[in-house]
């Protein structure tokens, strides 16, 4: 069964979401200095910091998802 380009892009975005989620959890657990600084910044200006944080995560997710999806599509084309 052949996968379509759209399903490969969806798969790429899912893999990117897993990758980003794992890295965020790893950073929060093992990098105490950055985590404490993030919470310190959140306490001073929560609206601005949350906006920038969410925007950064979404843009990185889209970028990594497109890269992974593109690689999956290229690998499918090259197998034919």
N, C-alpha and C. Protein backbone atom coordinates (compact mmCIF):
# COMPACT_ATOMS: atom_id res chain seq x y z
N UNK A 1 0.84 -1.18 0.00
CA UNK A 1 0.00 0.00 0.00
C UNK A 1 0.88 1.25 0.00
N UNK A 2 0.65 2.11 -0.96
CA UNK A 2 1.47 3.30 -1.11
C UNK A 2 0.91 4.45 -0.27
N UNK A 3 1.80 5.14 0.42
CA UNK A 3 1.37 6.27 1.25
C UNK A 3 1.40 7.55 0.42
N UNK A 4 0.41 8.40 0.64
CA UNK A 4 0.35 9.66 -0.09
C UNK A 4 1.30 10.68 0.52
N UNK A 5 1.51 11.76 -0.21
CA UNK A 5 2.40 12.81 0.28
C UNK A 5 1.82 13.49 1.53
N UNK A 6 0.51 13.64 1.56
CA UNK A 6 -0.12 14.28 2.72
C UNK A 6 0.05 13.41 3.97
N UNK A 7 -0.12 12.10 3.82
CA UNK A 7 0.05 11.22 4.98
C UNK A 7 1.50 11.21 5.44
N UNK A 8 2.44 11.33 4.50
CA UNK A 8 3.85 11.41 4.88
C UNK A 8 4.16 12.71 5.61
N UNK A 9 3.53 13.81 5.18
CA UNK A 9 3.72 15.08 5.89
C UNK A 9 3.13 15.01 7.30
N UNK A 10 1.95 14.39 7.43
CA UNK A 10 1.34 14.21 8.75
C UNK A 10 2.27 13.39 9.65
N UNK A 11 2.83 12.34 9.07
CA UNK A 11 3.76 11.49 9.81
C UNK A 11 4.99 12.29 10.25
N UNK A 12 5.48 13.15 9.36
CA UNK A 12 6.62 14.00 9.69
C UNK A 12 6.32 14.95 10.83
N UNK A 13 5.12 15.54 10.83
CA UNK A 13 4.73 16.44 11.91
C UNK A 13 4.57 15.68 13.23
N UNK A 14 4.09 14.45 13.17
CA UNK A 14 3.98 13.65 14.39
C UNK A 14 5.36 13.31 14.96
N UNK A 15 6.27 12.90 14.08
CA UNK A 15 7.63 12.62 14.53
C UNK A 15 8.29 13.86 15.12
N UNK A 16 8.05 15.02 14.49
CA UNK A 16 8.62 16.26 15.00
C UNK A 16 8.04 16.60 16.37
N UNK A 17 6.74 16.36 16.55
CA UNK A 17 6.11 16.63 17.84
C UNK A 17 6.69 15.73 18.93
N UNK A 18 6.90 14.47 18.61
CA UNK A 18 7.53 13.56 19.57
C UNK A 18 8.95 14.01 19.89
N UNK A 19 9.71 14.41 18.87
CA UNK A 19 11.09 14.85 19.06
C UNK A 19 11.16 16.09 19.95
N UNK A 20 10.32 17.08 19.66
CA UNK A 20 10.32 18.31 20.45
C UNK A 20 9.85 18.05 21.87
N UNK A 21 8.80 17.25 22.03
CA UNK A 21 8.31 16.93 23.36
C UNK A 21 9.36 16.23 24.21
N UNK A 22 10.05 15.28 23.61
CA UNK A 22 11.10 14.57 24.34
C UNK A 22 12.22 15.52 24.74
N UNK A 23 12.63 16.39 23.82
CA UNK A 23 13.72 17.32 24.14
C UNK A 23 13.31 18.35 25.19
N UNK A 24 12.06 18.80 25.17
CA UNK A 24 11.61 19.76 26.19
C UNK A 24 11.61 19.10 27.56
N UNK A 25 11.09 17.89 27.64
CA UNK A 25 11.07 17.18 28.93
C UNK A 25 12.48 16.92 29.42
N UNK A 26 13.37 16.52 28.52
CA UNK A 26 14.77 16.27 28.89
C UNK A 26 15.43 17.54 29.41
N UNK A 27 15.19 18.68 28.73
CA UNK A 27 15.78 19.95 29.18
C UNK A 27 15.24 20.36 30.54
N UNK A 28 13.93 20.19 30.74
CA UNK A 28 13.34 20.58 32.02
C UNK A 28 13.86 19.75 33.17
N UNK A 29 14.15 18.48 32.91
CA UNK A 29 14.63 17.61 33.98
C UNK A 29 16.11 17.80 34.25
N UNK A 30 16.92 17.80 33.20
CA UNK A 30 18.37 17.73 33.40
C UNK A 30 19.09 19.07 33.38
N UNK A 31 18.45 20.13 32.93
CA UNK A 31 19.13 21.43 32.87
C UNK A 31 18.47 22.38 33.85
N UNK A 32 18.86 22.26 35.11
CA UNK A 32 18.21 23.00 36.18
C UNK A 32 18.41 24.51 36.04
N UNK A 33 19.57 24.95 35.59
CA UNK A 33 19.85 26.38 35.47
C UNK A 33 18.91 27.07 34.50
N UNK A 34 18.74 26.50 33.32
CA UNK A 34 17.85 27.10 32.33
C UNK A 34 16.39 27.04 32.77
N UNK A 35 16.02 25.94 33.42
CA UNK A 35 14.64 25.80 33.88
C UNK A 35 14.31 26.83 34.95
N UNK A 36 15.22 27.04 35.89
CA UNK A 36 14.96 28.03 36.94
C UNK A 36 14.93 29.43 36.36
N UNK A 37 15.76 29.71 35.35
CA UNK A 37 15.73 31.02 34.71
C UNK A 37 14.42 31.23 33.95
N UNK A 38 13.92 30.17 33.30
CA UNK A 38 12.64 30.26 32.59
C UNK A 38 11.52 30.58 33.57
N UNK A 39 11.47 29.89 34.70
CA UNK A 39 10.42 30.16 35.68
C UNK A 39 10.58 31.55 36.29
N UNK A 40 11.81 32.02 36.43
CA UNK A 40 12.06 33.38 36.94
C UNK A 40 11.53 34.41 35.95
N UNK A 41 11.80 34.20 34.65
CA UNK A 41 11.28 35.12 33.63
C UNK A 41 9.75 35.07 33.57
N UNK A 42 9.18 33.89 33.73
CA UNK A 42 7.73 33.76 33.71
C UNK A 42 7.07 34.53 34.85
N UNK A 43 7.73 34.60 35.98
CA UNK A 43 7.15 35.31 37.11
C UNK A 43 7.18 36.83 36.91
N UNK A 44 8.11 37.34 36.09
CA UNK A 44 8.20 38.79 35.88
C UNK A 44 7.25 39.28 34.79
N UNK A 45 7.22 38.61 33.66
CA UNK A 45 6.37 39.05 32.54
C UNK A 45 5.76 37.83 31.87
N UNK A 46 4.73 37.25 32.48
CA UNK A 46 4.22 35.97 31.96
C UNK A 46 3.60 36.06 30.56
N UNK A 47 2.92 37.17 30.23
CA UNK A 47 2.27 37.25 28.92
C UNK A 47 3.29 37.25 27.79
N UNK A 48 4.34 38.04 27.94
CA UNK A 48 5.33 38.15 26.87
C UNK A 48 6.16 36.88 26.75
N UNK A 49 6.56 36.33 27.87
CA UNK A 49 7.39 35.13 27.85
C UNK A 49 6.62 33.95 27.30
N UNK A 50 5.37 33.78 27.72
CA UNK A 50 4.55 32.68 27.20
C UNK A 50 4.29 32.83 25.71
N UNK A 51 4.05 34.05 25.26
CA UNK A 51 3.84 34.29 23.83
C UNK A 51 5.05 33.91 23.00
N UNK A 52 6.21 34.36 23.44
CA UNK A 52 7.44 34.05 22.72
C UNK A 52 7.74 32.56 22.79
N UNK A 53 7.52 31.95 23.94
CA UNK A 53 7.78 30.52 24.11
C UNK A 53 6.88 29.68 23.21
N UNK A 54 5.59 29.98 23.20
CA UNK A 54 4.65 29.21 22.38
C UNK A 54 4.93 29.43 20.89
N UNK A 55 5.20 30.68 20.50
CA UNK A 55 5.50 30.97 19.11
C UNK A 55 6.77 30.24 18.65
N UNK A 56 7.78 30.21 19.50
CA UNK A 56 9.02 29.51 19.17
C UNK A 56 8.78 28.02 19.00
N UNK A 57 8.03 27.43 19.90
CA UNK A 57 7.76 25.98 19.82
C UNK A 57 6.98 25.65 18.56
N UNK A 58 5.98 26.46 18.22
CA UNK A 58 5.17 26.19 17.03
C UNK A 58 6.00 26.33 15.75
N UNK A 59 6.81 27.38 15.66
CA UNK A 59 7.63 27.58 14.46
C UNK A 59 8.66 26.46 14.31
N UNK A 60 9.30 26.07 15.40
CA UNK A 60 10.26 24.98 15.34
C UNK A 60 9.57 23.68 14.95
N UNK A 61 8.37 23.44 15.49
CA UNK A 61 7.62 22.23 15.16
C UNK A 61 7.28 22.19 13.67
N UNK A 62 6.82 23.32 13.12
CA UNK A 62 6.51 23.37 11.70
C UNK A 62 7.75 23.14 10.84
N UNK A 63 8.84 23.76 11.20
CA UNK A 63 10.08 23.62 10.43
C UNK A 63 10.60 22.18 10.45
N UNK A 64 10.69 21.61 11.64
CA UNK A 64 11.19 20.23 11.76
C UNK A 64 10.21 19.25 11.10
N UNK A 65 8.91 19.49 11.25
CA UNK A 65 7.91 18.63 10.62
C UNK A 65 8.01 18.65 9.10
N UNK A 66 8.22 19.84 8.53
CA UNK A 66 8.38 19.92 7.08
C UNK A 66 9.66 19.22 6.62
N UNK A 67 10.71 19.36 7.37
CA UNK A 67 11.96 18.67 6.99
C UNK A 67 11.78 17.16 7.04
N UNK A 68 11.23 16.64 8.13
CA UNK A 68 11.04 15.19 8.25
C UNK A 68 10.06 14.69 7.20
N UNK A 69 8.96 15.41 6.99
CA UNK A 69 7.99 15.02 5.97
C UNK A 69 8.60 15.02 4.58
N UNK A 70 9.40 16.04 4.28
CA UNK A 70 10.09 16.10 2.99
C UNK A 70 11.04 14.94 2.79
N UNK A 71 11.77 14.60 3.83
CA UNK A 71 12.69 13.45 3.74
C UNK A 71 11.92 12.16 3.53
N UNK A 72 10.79 11.99 4.20
CA UNK A 72 9.97 10.79 4.00
C UNK A 72 9.43 10.71 2.58
N UNK A 73 9.00 11.84 2.04
CA UNK A 73 8.49 11.87 0.66
C UNK A 73 9.60 11.55 -0.32
N UNK A 74 10.77 12.15 -0.12
CA UNK A 74 11.91 11.90 -1.01
C UNK A 74 12.34 10.44 -0.94
N UNK A 75 12.32 9.87 0.26
CA UNK A 75 12.71 8.45 0.37
C UNK A 75 11.70 7.54 -0.34
N UNK A 76 10.41 7.90 -0.31
CA UNK A 76 9.41 7.12 -1.03
C UNK A 76 9.62 7.22 -2.54
N UNK A 77 9.91 8.43 -3.02
CA UNK A 77 10.12 8.63 -4.46
C UNK A 77 11.35 7.89 -4.93
N UNK A 78 12.40 7.91 -4.11
CA UNK A 78 13.65 7.25 -4.52
C UNK A 78 13.55 5.74 -4.51
N UNK A 79 12.60 5.16 -3.77
CA UNK A 79 12.43 3.71 -3.73
C UNK A 79 11.74 3.17 -4.98
N UNK A 80 11.03 4.04 -5.69
CA UNK A 80 10.29 3.58 -6.88
C UNK A 80 11.19 3.26 -8.02
